[in-house]
Amino acid sequence: MNLSLIYFDFPFWRAEVSRIALHIGNIEFNDLRIDREEFIRVKVSGKLDNGIIIPFHQLPCLIIEGEALAQTAGIARYCGKLSGLYPQKNDVLAIKIDQFIDLITDITVLILNSGRDEKPAIKKVKREEFFKNEFTRKFTMLETNISENSLYIIKNNFNIADIALWSFVNWLTSGDIDGFPKDLLKKFPKIEKVFLKINTMPEIQNWVKKTYHKT
């Protein structure tokens, strides 16, 4: 099978969940990374500089045997099925996984919209206020719905939602989001437990060493 996954050259969860799922499943794929200048052109033309069509003019994008397909969750589910990290016949388990992917998506959109188009000082204040209120409210929902006494989000089931959460938390605690403390996990023990479990997996550390830029 000829697969290409297109995204920016940094480890944001929207692409990492699919990249890592394919990596864990030993599924060969072309990890195609573009810069922001090319993406600006994609938003206008709907295609890469090499002519590859990008549906909806957004990333990530998955190319399957020459056909371009979009949307984070759909791509993640497909890559998860190929890798055995998303059920093909268990619909109840599938929707349990989906709800976490969708909640992480919802929180991501809220973060990116908080303080958008504001001056840096104002944006920082708005992000801090957002973190204390709406983010904490949503993140608490995520914490509450993780299985009790489990190493994974869904008890005894490692899947793409765990990968998404691991990558999402890496972003949240990176120090790159104004108003978000690096130690935010201390109030969310179940999320922290899942994060630490996934972080110690050899496959995850292998991916980090292979693809993450050293700073």
N, C-alpha and C. Protein backbone atom coordinates (compact mmCIF):
# COMPACT_ATOMS: atom_id res chain seq x y z
N MET A 1 0.84 -1.20 0.00
CA MET A 1 0.00 0.00 0.00
C MET A 1 0.87 1.25 0.00
N ASN A 2 0.51 2.22 -0.82
CA ASN A 2 1.27 3.46 -0.93
C ASN A 2 0.58 4.54 -0.11
N LEU A 3 1.20 4.91 1.03
CA LEU A 3 0.63 5.91 1.94
C LEU A 3 1.57 7.10 2.10
N SER A 4 0.99 8.30 2.13
CA SER A 4 1.75 9.50 2.46
C SER A 4 0.93 10.31 3.45
N LEU A 5 1.57 10.75 4.52
CA LEU A 5 0.90 11.59 5.52
C LEU A 5 1.55 12.97 5.47
N ILE A 6 0.74 13.99 5.23
CA ILE A 6 1.24 15.34 5.02
C ILE A 6 0.89 16.24 6.20
N TYR A 7 1.90 16.89 6.76
CA TYR A 7 1.69 17.85 7.84
C TYR A 7 2.92 18.73 7.94
N PHE A 8 2.93 19.60 8.94
CA PHE A 8 4.09 20.46 9.17
C PHE A 8 5.22 19.66 9.82
N ASP A 9 6.40 20.25 9.85
CA ASP A 9 7.57 19.57 10.39
C ASP A 9 7.72 19.84 11.89
N PHE A 10 6.68 19.51 12.64
CA PHE A 10 6.77 19.55 14.10
C PHE A 10 5.75 18.58 14.67
N PRO A 11 5.94 18.16 15.93
CA PRO A 11 5.13 17.08 16.49
C PRO A 11 3.83 17.53 17.15
N PHE A 12 2.91 18.05 16.37
CA PHE A 12 1.60 18.41 16.91
C PHE A 12 0.69 17.19 16.86
N TRP A 13 -0.17 17.04 17.86
CA TRP A 13 -0.92 15.80 18.03
C TRP A 13 -1.80 15.45 16.84
N ARG A 14 -2.31 16.45 16.13
CA ARG A 14 -3.23 16.18 15.01
C ARG A 14 -2.60 15.23 13.98
N ALA A 15 -1.31 15.34 13.78
CA ALA A 15 -0.62 14.44 12.86
C ALA A 15 0.09 13.32 13.58
N GLU A 16 0.60 13.61 14.80
CA GLU A 16 1.38 12.61 15.52
C GLU A 16 0.57 11.36 15.83
N VAL A 17 -0.72 11.51 16.11
CA VAL A 17 -1.52 10.33 16.43
C VAL A 17 -1.49 9.33 15.29
N SER A 18 -1.55 9.81 14.05
CA SER A 18 -1.52 8.91 12.89
C SER A 18 -0.10 8.48 12.56
N ARG A 19 0.85 9.41 12.62
CA ARG A 19 2.25 9.06 12.36
C ARG A 19 2.70 7.94 13.30
N ILE A 20 2.41 8.11 14.59
CA ILE A 20 2.88 7.14 15.58
C ILE A 20 2.13 5.83 15.47
N ALA A 21 0.84 5.88 15.16
CA ALA A 21 0.09 4.64 14.97
C ALA A 21 0.71 3.81 13.84
N LEU A 22 1.02 4.46 12.74
CA LEU A 22 1.65 3.75 11.62
C LEU A 22 3.03 3.23 12.01
N HIS A 23 3.76 4.04 12.76
CA HIS A 23 5.09 3.63 13.24
C HIS A 23 4.99 2.39 14.12
N ILE A 24 4.07 2.41 15.08
CA ILE A 24 3.91 1.28 15.99
C ILE A 24 3.48 0.03 15.23
N GLY A 25 2.64 0.22 14.23
CA GLY A 25 2.16 -0.91 13.44
C GLY A 25 3.12 -1.38 12.36
N ASN A 26 4.29 -0.74 12.28
CA ASN A 26 5.29 -1.08 11.24
C ASN A 26 4.70 -0.96 9.84
N ILE A 27 3.86 0.06 9.66
CA ILE A 27 3.25 0.34 8.36
C ILE A 27 4.12 1.37 7.64
N GLU A 28 4.63 1.03 6.50
CA GLU A 28 5.46 1.98 5.75
C GLU A 28 4.62 3.14 5.22
N PHE A 29 5.15 4.35 5.37
CA PHE A 29 4.46 5.53 4.84
C PHE A 29 5.47 6.63 4.58
N ASN A 30 5.11 7.52 3.68
CA ASN A 30 5.94 8.68 3.37
C ASN A 30 5.54 9.80 4.32
N ASP A 31 6.43 10.16 5.22
CA ASP A 31 6.17 11.22 6.20
C ASP A 31 6.54 12.56 5.56
N LEU A 32 5.59 13.11 4.83
CA LEU A 32 5.82 14.33 4.04
C LEU A 32 5.53 15.56 4.88
N ARG A 33 6.54 16.41 5.07
CA ARG A 33 6.40 17.58 5.93
C ARG A 33 6.65 18.85 5.12
N ILE A 34 5.76 19.82 5.28
CA ILE A 34 5.88 21.07 4.53
C ILE A 34 6.07 22.23 5.49
N ASP A 35 6.54 23.36 4.97
CA ASP A 35 6.72 24.53 5.81
C ASP A 35 5.49 25.44 5.72
N ARG A 36 5.47 26.46 6.57
CA ARG A 36 4.30 27.34 6.64
C ARG A 36 4.11 28.16 5.37
N GLU A 37 5.21 28.48 4.70
CA GLU A 37 5.10 29.24 3.47
C GLU A 37 4.33 28.46 2.41
N GLU A 38 4.64 27.17 2.31
CA GLU A 38 3.91 26.35 1.35
C GLU A 38 2.45 26.19 1.78
N PHE A 39 2.21 26.09 3.08
CA PHE A 39 0.84 25.94 3.55
C PHE A 39 -0.01 27.17 3.23
N ILE A 40 0.60 28.34 3.30
CA ILE A 40 -0.12 29.57 2.92
C ILE A 40 -0.61 29.45 1.49
N ARG A 41 0.24 28.88 0.63
CA ARG A 41 -0.17 28.68 -0.76
C ARG A 41 -1.25 27.60 -0.86
N VAL A 42 -1.14 26.56 -0.02
CA VAL A 42 -2.15 25.49 -0.01
C VAL A 42 -3.52 26.05 0.33
N LYS A 43 -3.59 26.96 1.30
CA LYS A 43 -4.88 27.50 1.72
C LYS A 43 -5.58 28.24 0.59
N VAL A 44 -4.80 28.75 -0.34
CA VAL A 44 -5.37 29.47 -1.48
C VAL A 44 -5.67 28.52 -2.63
N SER A 45 -4.69 27.69 -2.99
CA SER A 45 -4.80 26.87 -4.20
C SER A 45 -5.42 25.50 -3.96
N GLY A 46 -5.33 25.00 -2.72
CA GLY A 46 -5.83 23.66 -2.44
C GLY A 46 -4.93 22.55 -2.94
N LYS A 47 -3.65 22.86 -3.13
CA LYS A 47 -2.71 21.83 -3.55
C LYS A 47 -1.29 22.20 -3.13
N LEU A 48 -0.46 21.15 -2.96
CA LEU A 48 0.94 21.37 -2.65
C LEU A 48 1.67 21.92 -3.87
N ASP A 49 2.89 22.39 -3.65
CA ASP A 49 3.68 22.90 -4.76
C ASP A 49 3.94 21.82 -5.80
N ASN A 50 3.94 20.54 -5.38
CA ASN A 50 4.17 19.45 -6.33
C ASN A 50 2.90 18.98 -7.03
N GLY A 51 1.79 19.68 -6.74
CA GLY A 51 0.54 19.37 -7.43
C GLY A 51 -0.42 18.46 -6.68
N ILE A 52 -0.01 17.89 -5.55
CA ILE A 52 -0.90 17.03 -4.77
C ILE A 52 -2.09 17.84 -4.26
N ILE A 53 -3.30 17.34 -4.53
CA ILE A 53 -4.52 18.02 -4.10
C ILE A 53 -4.71 17.84 -2.59
N ILE A 54 -5.09 18.92 -1.91
CA ILE A 54 -5.35 18.90 -0.47
C ILE A 54 -6.83 19.24 -0.24
N PRO A 55 -7.66 18.24 0.07
CA PRO A 55 -9.08 18.50 0.29
C PRO A 55 -9.30 19.54 1.40
N PHE A 56 -10.22 20.44 1.19
CA PHE A 56 -10.59 21.46 2.18
C PHE A 56 -9.45 22.41 2.50
N HIS A 57 -8.32 22.31 1.76
CA HIS A 57 -7.19 23.24 1.90
C HIS A 57 -6.63 23.24 3.33
N GLN A 58 -6.60 22.08 3.99
CA GLN A 58 -6.12 22.02 5.37
C GLN A 58 -5.35 20.73 5.62
N LEU A 59 -4.60 20.73 6.73
CA LEU A 59 -3.79 19.58 7.11
C LEU A 59 -4.20 19.11 8.50
N PRO A 60 -3.96 17.82 8.81
CA PRO A 60 -3.22 16.82 8.04
C PRO A 60 -4.02 16.31 6.85
N CYS A 61 -3.28 15.66 5.95
CA CYS A 61 -3.87 15.04 4.77
C CYS A 61 -3.20 13.68 4.56
N LEU A 62 -4.00 12.69 4.26
CA LEU A 62 -3.48 11.34 4.02
C LEU A 62 -3.71 10.98 2.55
N ILE A 63 -2.66 10.53 1.89
CA ILE A 63 -2.76 10.09 0.50
C ILE A 63 -2.73 8.57 0.49
N ILE A 64 -3.82 7.97 0.01
CA ILE A 64 -3.91 6.51 -0.08
C ILE A 64 -3.97 6.12 -1.54
N GLU A 65 -2.91 5.50 -2.02
CA GLU A 65 -2.85 5.08 -3.43
C GLU A 65 -3.22 6.23 -4.37
N GLY A 66 -2.68 7.40 -4.07
CA GLY A 66 -2.89 8.56 -4.92
C GLY A 66 -4.13 9.38 -4.64
N GLU A 67 -4.99 8.91 -3.73
CA GLU A 67 -6.21 9.65 -3.40
C GLU A 67 -6.02 10.41 -2.10
N ALA A 68 -6.30 11.72 -2.11
CA ALA A 68 -6.09 12.58 -0.95
C ALA A 68 -7.34 12.62 -0.08
N LEU A 69 -7.12 12.42 1.23
CA LEU A 69 -8.23 12.42 2.19
C LEU A 69 -7.86 13.28 3.39
N ALA A 70 -8.87 13.93 3.99
CA ALA A 70 -8.61 14.90 5.05
C ALA A 70 -9.33 14.56 6.35
N GLN A 71 -9.08 15.40 7.34
CA GLN A 71 -9.68 15.41 8.67
C GLN A 71 -8.94 14.51 9.65
N THR A 72 -8.50 15.13 10.74
CA THR A 72 -7.68 14.47 11.75
C THR A 72 -8.26 13.15 12.24
N ALA A 73 -9.50 13.17 12.70
CA ALA A 73 -10.09 11.98 13.32
C ALA A 73 -10.25 10.83 12.34
N GLY A 74 -10.71 11.15 11.14
CA GLY A 74 -10.87 10.10 10.13
C GLY A 74 -9.54 9.47 9.75
N ILE A 75 -8.52 10.28 9.59
CA ILE A 75 -7.19 9.77 9.27
C ILE A 75 -6.66 8.92 10.42
N ALA A 76 -6.86 9.40 11.66
CA ALA A 76 -6.39 8.66 12.83
C ALA A 76 -7.07 7.30 12.93
N ARG A 77 -8.36 7.25 12.67
CA ARG A 77 -9.09 5.98 12.73
C ARG A 77 -8.57 5.01 11.67
N TYR A 78 -8.35 5.51 10.48
CA TYR A 78 -7.86 4.66 9.40
C TYR A 78 -6.47 4.10 9.75
N CYS A 79 -5.58 4.97 10.19
CA CYS A 79 -4.23 4.53 10.55
C CYS A 79 -4.27 3.59 11.75
N GLY A 80 -5.20 3.87 12.67
CA GLY A 80 -5.35 2.99 13.82
C GLY A 80 -5.82 1.60 13.42
N LYS A 81 -6.71 1.52 12.46
CA LYS A 81 -7.18 0.21 11.98
C LYS A 81 -6.03 -0.56 11.34
N LEU A 82 -5.24 0.12 10.53
CA LEU A 82 -4.10 -0.55 9.90
C LEU A 82 -3.13 -1.10 10.94
N SER A 83 -3.02 -0.40 12.06
CA SER A 83 -2.03 -0.74 13.08
C SER A 83 -2.58 -1.59 14.21
N GLY A 84 -3.87 -1.89 14.17
CA GLY A 84 -4.48 -2.66 15.24
C GLY A 84 -4.74 -1.85 16.50
N LEU A 85 -4.79 -0.52 16.36
CA LEU A 85 -5.00 0.36 17.51
C LEU A 85 -6.36 1.04 17.48
N TYR A 86 -7.23 0.55 16.63
CA TYR A 86 -8.61 1.04 16.55
C TYR A 86 -9.47 -0.13 16.06
N PRO A 87 -10.58 -0.41 16.72
CA PRO A 87 -11.36 -1.61 16.39
C PRO A 87 -12.04 -1.55 15.03
N GLN A 88 -12.07 -2.68 14.36
CA GLN A 88 -12.77 -2.77 13.08
C GLN A 88 -14.17 -3.33 13.23
N LYS A 89 -14.44 -4.05 14.33
CA LYS A 89 -15.75 -4.68 14.48
C LYS A 89 -16.44 -4.35 15.80
N ASN A 90 -15.74 -3.76 16.74
CA ASN A 90 -16.32 -3.43 18.04
C ASN A 90 -16.77 -1.96 18.03
N ASP A 91 -18.03 -1.72 17.68
CA ASP A 91 -18.53 -0.36 17.53
C ASP A 91 -18.60 0.40 18.85
N VAL A 92 -18.86 -0.29 19.93
CA VAL A 92 -18.93 0.38 21.23
C VAL A 92 -17.55 0.88 21.65
N LEU A 93 -16.54 0.03 21.49
CA LEU A 93 -15.18 0.47 21.80
C LEU A 93 -14.76 1.61 20.88
N ALA A 94 -15.17 1.53 19.63
CA ALA A 94 -14.81 2.58 18.67
C ALA A 94 -15.36 3.94 19.10
N ILE A 95 -16.61 3.98 19.53
CA ILE A 95 -17.18 5.27 19.92
C ILE A 95 -16.58 5.77 21.22
N LYS A 96 -16.16 4.84 22.09
CA LYS A 96 -15.46 5.25 23.31
C LYS A 96 -14.15 5.95 22.98
N ILE A 97 -13.45 5.42 21.99
CA ILE A 97 -12.20 6.03 21.54
C ILE A 97 -12.48 7.37 20.87
N ASP A 98 -13.49 7.39 20.00
CA ASP A 98 -13.83 8.61 19.25
C ASP A 98 -14.12 9.79 20.17
N GLN A 99 -14.83 9.53 21.27
CA GLN A 99 -15.23 10.64 22.13
C GLN A 99 -14.02 11.35 22.72
N PHE A 100 -12.94 10.62 22.99
CA PHE A 100 -11.74 11.24 23.53
C PHE A 100 -10.99 12.02 22.45
N ILE A 101 -10.91 11.46 21.25
CA ILE A 101 -10.28 12.18 20.14
C ILE A 101 -11.02 13.49 19.88
N ASP A 102 -12.35 13.42 19.89
CA ASP A 102 -13.15 14.61 19.61
C ASP A 102 -13.05 15.64 20.72
N LEU A 103 -12.97 15.19 21.98
CA LEU A 103 -12.81 16.15 23.09
C LEU A 103 -11.47 16.85 23.01
N ILE A 104 -10.42 16.11 22.69
CA ILE A 104 -9.10 16.73 22.53
C ILE A 104 -9.13 17.74 21.39
N THR A 105 -9.86 17.41 20.32
CA THR A 105 -10.03 18.36 19.22
C THR A 105 -10.75 19.61 19.69
N ASP A 106 -11.83 19.45 20.45
CA ASP A 106 -12.58 20.60 20.96
C ASP A 106 -11.70 21.50 21.81
N ILE A 107 -10.91 20.91 22.70
CA ILE A 107 -10.05 21.70 23.58
C ILE A 107 -8.97 22.42 22.77
N THR A 108 -8.43 21.74 21.77
CA THR A 108 -7.41 22.35 20.92
C THR A 108 -7.95 23.59 20.24
N VAL A 109 -9.14 23.51 19.68
CA VAL A 109 -9.75 24.65 19.00
C VAL A 109 -9.97 25.80 19.97
N LEU A 110 -10.41 25.50 21.17
CA LEU A 110 -10.62 26.55 22.18
C LEU A 110 -9.30 27.25 22.52
N ILE A 111 -8.24 26.47 22.67
CA ILE A 111 -6.93 27.06 22.99
C ILE A 111 -6.47 27.98 21.88
N LEU A 112 -6.54 27.49 20.65
CA LEU A 112 -6.05 28.27 19.51
C LEU A 112 -6.86 29.55 19.29
N ASN A 113 -8.13 29.52 19.69
CA ASN A 113 -8.98 30.70 19.51
C ASN A 113 -8.87 31.70 20.65
N SER A 114 -8.33 31.26 21.80
CA SER A 114 -8.24 32.16 22.95
C SER A 114 -7.16 33.22 22.71
N GLY A 115 -7.58 34.46 22.74
CA GLY A 115 -6.64 35.56 22.54
C GLY A 115 -6.17 35.73 21.11
N ARG A 116 -6.79 35.04 20.18
CA ARG A 116 -6.35 35.13 18.78
C ARG A 116 -6.47 36.57 18.28
N ASP A 117 -5.48 36.99 17.51
CA ASP A 117 -5.43 38.32 16.89
C ASP A 117 -5.27 39.45 17.90
N GLU A 118 -4.95 39.13 19.13
CA GLU A 118 -4.70 40.16 20.13
C GLU A 118 -3.20 40.46 20.20
N LYS A 119 -2.87 41.62 20.76
CA LYS A 119 -1.47 41.94 21.01
C LYS A 119 -0.93 40.97 22.05
N PRO A 120 0.40 40.67 22.01
CA PRO A 120 0.98 39.65 22.90
C PRO A 120 0.61 39.79 24.37
N ALA A 121 0.67 41.00 24.91
CA ALA A 121 0.38 41.20 26.33
C ALA A 121 -1.07 40.86 26.65
N ILE A 122 -1.97 41.30 25.78
CA ILE A 122 -3.40 41.02 25.98
C ILE A 122 -3.69 39.54 25.78
N LYS A 123 -3.04 38.97 24.78
CA LYS A 123 -3.23 37.54 24.50
C LYS A 123 -2.81 36.70 25.70
N LYS A 124 -1.70 37.06 26.33
CA LYS A 124 -1.21 36.32 27.49
C LYS A 124 -2.23 36.36 28.62
N VAL A 125 -2.79 37.52 28.87
CA VAL A 125 -3.79 37.67 29.94
C VAL A 125 -5.03 36.84 29.63
N LYS A 126 -5.46 36.87 28.39
CA LYS A 126 -6.65 36.11 28.01
C LYS A 126 -6.40 34.61 28.08
N ARG A 127 -5.19 34.20 27.70
CA ARG A 127 -4.84 32.77 27.79
C ARG A 127 -4.82 32.32 29.25
N GLU A 128 -4.27 33.15 30.13
CA GLU A 128 -4.22 32.80 31.55
C GLU A 128 -5.63 32.65 32.11
N GLU A 129 -6.52 33.56 31.72
CA GLU A 129 -7.90 33.49 32.17
C GLU A 129 -8.60 32.27 31.59
N PHE A 130 -8.33 32.00 30.33
CA PHE A 130 -8.90 30.82 29.69
C PHE A 130 -8.43 29.54 30.38
N PHE A 131 -7.14 29.48 30.71
CA PHE A 131 -6.61 28.30 31.38
C PHE A 131 -7.31 28.06 32.72
N LYS A 132 -7.50 29.11 33.51
CA LYS A 132 -8.11 28.97 34.83
C LYS A 132 -9.57 28.52 34.75
N ASN A 133 -10.24 28.91 33.68
CA ASN A 133 -11.68 28.66 33.61
C ASN A 133 -12.04 27.57 32.61
N GLU A 134 -12.21 27.92 31.34
CA GLU A 134 -12.75 26.97 30.37
C GLU A 134 -11.84 25.77 30.14
N PHE A 135 -10.54 26.00 30.03
CA PHE A 135 -9.65 24.86 29.82
C PHE A 135 -9.72 23.90 30.99
N THR A 136 -9.61 24.41 32.21
CA THR A 136 -9.63 23.55 33.39
C THR A 136 -10.95 22.80 33.48
N ARG A 137 -12.05 23.44 33.12
CA ARG A 137 -13.35 22.78 33.13
C ARG A 137 -13.36 21.60 32.15
N LYS A 138 -12.88 21.82 30.93
CA LYS A 138 -12.86 20.77 29.91
C LYS A 138 -11.86 19.66 30.26
N PHE A 139 -10.69 20.06 30.74
CA PHE A 139 -9.66 19.07 31.06
C PHE A 139 -10.09 18.20 32.24
N THR A 140 -10.85 18.79 33.15
CA THR A 140 -11.40 18.02 34.26
C THR A 140 -12.38 16.97 33.76
N MET A 141 -13.15 17.29 32.73
CA MET A 141 -14.05 16.31 32.12
C MET A 141 -13.24 15.14 31.56
N LEU A 142 -12.14 15.46 30.91
CA LEU A 142 -11.27 14.41 30.37
C LEU A 142 -10.74 13.54 31.50
N GLU A 143 -10.26 14.17 32.54
CA GLU A 143 -9.74 13.44 33.71
C GLU A 143 -10.81 12.53 34.30
N THR A 144 -12.00 13.05 34.47
CA THR A 144 -13.08 12.30 35.11
C THR A 144 -13.46 11.04 34.34
N ASN A 145 -13.37 11.10 33.02
CA ASN A 145 -13.86 10.00 32.19
C ASN A 145 -12.80 8.96 31.83
N ILE A 146 -11.58 9.14 32.29
CA ILE A 146 -10.56 8.11 32.11
C ILE A 146 -10.84 6.97 33.08
N SER A 147 -10.65 5.76 32.63
CA SER A 147 -10.94 4.58 33.45
C SER A 147 -10.17 4.62 34.77
N GLU A 148 -10.81 4.16 35.84
CA GLU A 148 -10.16 4.09 37.14
C GLU A 148 -9.15 2.95 37.18
N ASN A 149 -8.05 3.19 37.90
CA ASN A 149 -7.03 2.15 38.12
C ASN A 149 -6.55 1.51 36.82
N SER A 150 -6.33 2.35 35.81
CA SER A 150 -5.91 1.86 34.51
C SER A 150 -4.68 2.62 34.04
N LEU A 151 -3.85 1.94 33.26
CA LEU A 151 -2.69 2.59 32.67
C LEU A 151 -3.05 3.34 31.40
N TYR A 152 -4.25 3.08 30.88
CA TYR A 152 -4.69 3.68 29.62
C TYR A 152 -6.01 4.43 29.81
N ILE A 153 -6.40 5.20 28.81
CA ILE A 153 -7.65 5.95 28.89
C ILE A 153 -8.83 5.01 29.08
N ILE A 154 -8.88 3.98 28.26
CA ILE A 154 -9.93 2.97 28.34
C ILE A 154 -9.31 1.72 28.92
N LYS A 155 -9.83 1.23 30.00
CA LYS A 155 -9.21 0.17 30.79
C LYS A 155 -8.73 -0.99 29.93
N ASN A 156 -7.45 -1.34 30.12
CA ASN A 156 -6.84 -2.51 29.46
C ASN A 156 -6.86 -2.44 27.94
N ASN A 157 -6.92 -1.23 27.38
CA ASN A 157 -6.97 -1.12 25.92
C ASN A 157 -6.11 0.04 25.44
N PHE A 158 -4.92 -0.23 24.95
CA PHE A 158 -4.07 0.79 24.36
C PHE A 158 -4.53 1.07 22.95
N ASN A 159 -4.79 2.34 22.64
CA ASN A 159 -5.34 2.68 21.32
C ASN A 159 -4.92 4.09 20.91
N ILE A 160 -5.44 4.57 19.79
CA ILE A 160 -5.03 5.86 19.26
C ILE A 160 -5.37 7.03 20.17
N ALA A 161 -6.37 6.88 21.04
CA ALA A 161 -6.70 7.96 21.97
C ALA A 161 -5.56 8.19 22.96
N ASP A 162 -4.90 7.12 23.37
CA ASP A 162 -3.76 7.25 24.27
C ASP A 162 -2.61 8.00 23.60
N ILE A 163 -2.37 7.69 22.32
CA ILE A 163 -1.32 8.39 21.57
C ILE A 163 -1.67 9.86 21.44
N ALA A 164 -2.93 10.14 21.11
CA ALA A 164 -3.38 11.52 20.97
C ALA A 164 -3.19 12.29 22.27
N LEU A 165 -3.58 11.67 23.39
CA LEU A 165 -3.45 12.33 24.69
C LEU A 165 -1.98 12.59 25.01
N TRP A 166 -1.12 11.62 24.77
CA TRP A 166 0.31 11.79 25.04
C TRP A 166 0.87 12.98 24.27
N SER A 167 0.57 13.05 23.00
CA SER A 167 1.09 14.14 22.17
C SER A 167 0.47 15.47 22.55
N PHE A 168 -0.82 15.46 22.86
CA PHE A 168 -1.54 16.67 23.28
C PHE A 168 -0.92 17.24 24.55
N VAL A 169 -0.65 16.38 25.52
CA VAL A 169 -0.06 16.81 26.79
C VAL A 169 1.35 17.35 26.57
N ASN A 170 2.10 16.75 25.67
CA ASN A 170 3.43 17.29 25.35
C ASN A 170 3.34 18.73 24.90
N TRP A 171 2.33 19.04 24.11
CA TRP A 171 2.12 20.41 23.64
C TRP A 171 1.70 21.31 24.80
N LEU A 172 0.75 20.84 25.60
CA LEU A 172 0.23 21.65 26.71
C LEU A 172 1.32 22.02 27.70
N THR A 173 2.26 21.13 27.93
CA THR A 173 3.29 21.34 28.95
C THR A 173 4.63 21.81 28.37
N SER A 174 4.62 22.20 27.11
CA SER A 174 5.86 22.57 26.42
C SER A 174 6.38 23.95 26.81
N GLY A 175 5.50 24.78 27.36
CA GLY A 175 5.87 26.17 27.63
C GLY A 175 5.63 27.08 26.45
N ASP A 176 5.11 26.51 25.35
CA ASP A 176 4.88 27.29 24.15
C ASP A 176 3.52 27.99 24.14
N ILE A 177 2.64 27.64 25.10
CA ILE A 177 1.31 28.24 25.13
C ILE A 177 1.28 29.26 26.27
N ASP A 178 1.12 30.51 25.95
CA ASP A 178 1.08 31.57 26.96
C ASP A 178 0.01 31.26 28.00
N GLY A 179 0.39 31.41 29.28
CA GLY A 179 -0.59 31.24 30.34
C GLY A 179 -0.79 29.82 30.81
N PHE A 180 -0.11 28.85 30.16
CA PHE A 180 -0.24 27.45 30.54
C PHE A 180 1.01 27.00 31.29
N PRO A 181 0.90 26.66 32.58
CA PRO A 181 2.08 26.22 33.35
C PRO A 181 2.55 24.84 32.91
N LYS A 182 3.85 24.63 32.96
CA LYS A 182 4.41 23.35 32.55
C LYS A 182 4.01 22.22 33.48
N ASP A 183 3.66 22.56 34.71
CA ASP A 183 3.32 21.53 35.69
C ASP A 183 1.81 21.33 35.83
N LEU A 184 1.06 21.64 34.80
CA LEU A 184 -0.40 21.60 34.89
C LEU A 184 -0.95 20.20 35.21
N LEU A 185 -0.17 19.14 34.96
CA LEU A 185 -0.67 17.79 35.19
C LEU A 185 -0.80 17.44 36.68
N LYS A 186 -0.20 18.21 37.55
CA LYS A 186 -0.21 17.85 38.97
C LYS A 186 -1.62 17.80 39.55
N LYS A 187 -2.56 18.47 38.91
CA LYS A 187 -3.95 18.45 39.37
C LYS A 187 -4.79 17.42 38.64
N PHE A 188 -4.14 16.67 37.73
CA PHE A 188 -4.88 15.70 36.92
C PHE A 188 -4.14 14.35 36.96
N PRO A 189 -4.25 13.62 38.06
CA PRO A 189 -3.44 12.40 38.25
C PRO A 189 -3.72 11.28 37.26
N LYS A 190 -4.96 11.13 36.82
CA LYS A 190 -5.24 10.04 35.87
C LYS A 190 -4.66 10.36 34.50
N ILE A 191 -4.76 11.61 34.08
CA ILE A 191 -4.16 12.01 32.81
C ILE A 191 -2.64 11.85 32.89
N GLU A 192 -2.07 12.27 34.00
CA GLU A 192 -0.62 12.15 34.18
C GLU A 192 -0.18 10.69 34.13
N LYS A 193 -0.96 9.80 34.74
CA LYS A 193 -0.61 8.38 34.76
C LYS A 193 -0.58 7.80 33.36
N VAL A 194 -1.59 8.13 32.54
CA VAL A 194 -1.63 7.66 31.16
C VAL A 194 -0.46 8.24 30.38
N PHE A 195 -0.23 9.54 30.54
CA PHE A 195 0.87 10.20 29.84
C PHE A 195 2.20 9.53 30.13
N LEU A 196 2.47 9.29 31.41
CA LEU A 196 3.75 8.69 31.80
C LEU A 196 3.89 7.27 31.28
N LYS A 197 2.79 6.52 31.27
CA LYS A 197 2.82 5.16 30.74
C LYS A 197 3.18 5.17 29.26
N ILE A 198 2.49 6.02 28.48
CA ILE A 198 2.76 6.07 27.05
C ILE A 198 4.17 6.59 26.79
N ASN A 199 4.60 7.53 27.60
CA ASN A 199 5.91 8.14 27.41
C ASN A 199 7.05 7.15 27.59
N THR A 200 6.84 6.09 28.37
CA THR A 200 7.89 5.11 28.62
C THR A 200 7.89 3.97 27.61
N MET A 201 6.92 3.94 26.72
CA MET A 201 6.86 2.85 25.74
C MET A 201 8.06 2.94 24.79
N PRO A 202 8.76 1.84 24.55
CA PRO A 202 9.93 1.85 23.65
C PRO A 202 9.59 2.38 22.27
N GLU A 203 8.41 2.04 21.76
CA GLU A 203 8.03 2.49 20.42
C GLU A 203 7.90 4.01 20.36
N ILE A 204 7.39 4.60 21.45
CA ILE A 204 7.24 6.04 21.52
C ILE A 204 8.61 6.72 21.59
N GLN A 205 9.47 6.21 22.46
CA GLN A 205 10.80 6.80 22.60
C GLN A 205 11.62 6.64 21.33
N ASN A 206 11.42 5.53 20.63
CA ASN A 206 12.10 5.33 19.35
C ASN A 206 11.66 6.37 18.34
N TRP A 207 10.36 6.67 18.33
CA TRP A 207 9.83 7.68 17.42
C TRP A 207 10.37 9.06 17.76
N VAL A 208 10.42 9.38 19.05
CA VAL A 208 10.94 10.66 19.48
C VAL A 208 12.39 10.84 19.04
N LYS A 209 13.21 9.84 19.27
CA LYS A 209 14.62 9.91 18.90
C LYS A 209 14.79 10.02 17.38
N LYS A 210 13.88 9.38 16.66
CA LYS A 210 13.98 9.35 15.20
C LYS A 210 13.53 10.63 14.54
N THR A 211 12.51 11.29 15.09
CA THR A 211 11.86 12.39 14.36
C THR A 211 11.87 13.74 15.06
N TYR A 212 12.05 13.80 16.38
CA TYR A 212 11.96 15.08 17.07
C TYR A 212 13.28 15.83 16.95
N HIS A 213 13.16 17.11 16.66
CA HIS A 213 14.37 17.94 16.52
C HIS A 213 15.00 18.18 17.88
N LYS A 214 16.29 18.03 17.98
CA LYS A 214 17.01 18.30 19.21
C LYS A 214 17.16 19.79 19.41
N THR A 215 16.93 20.23 20.65
CA THR A 215 17.03 21.68 20.95
C THR A 215 18.19 21.93 21.89
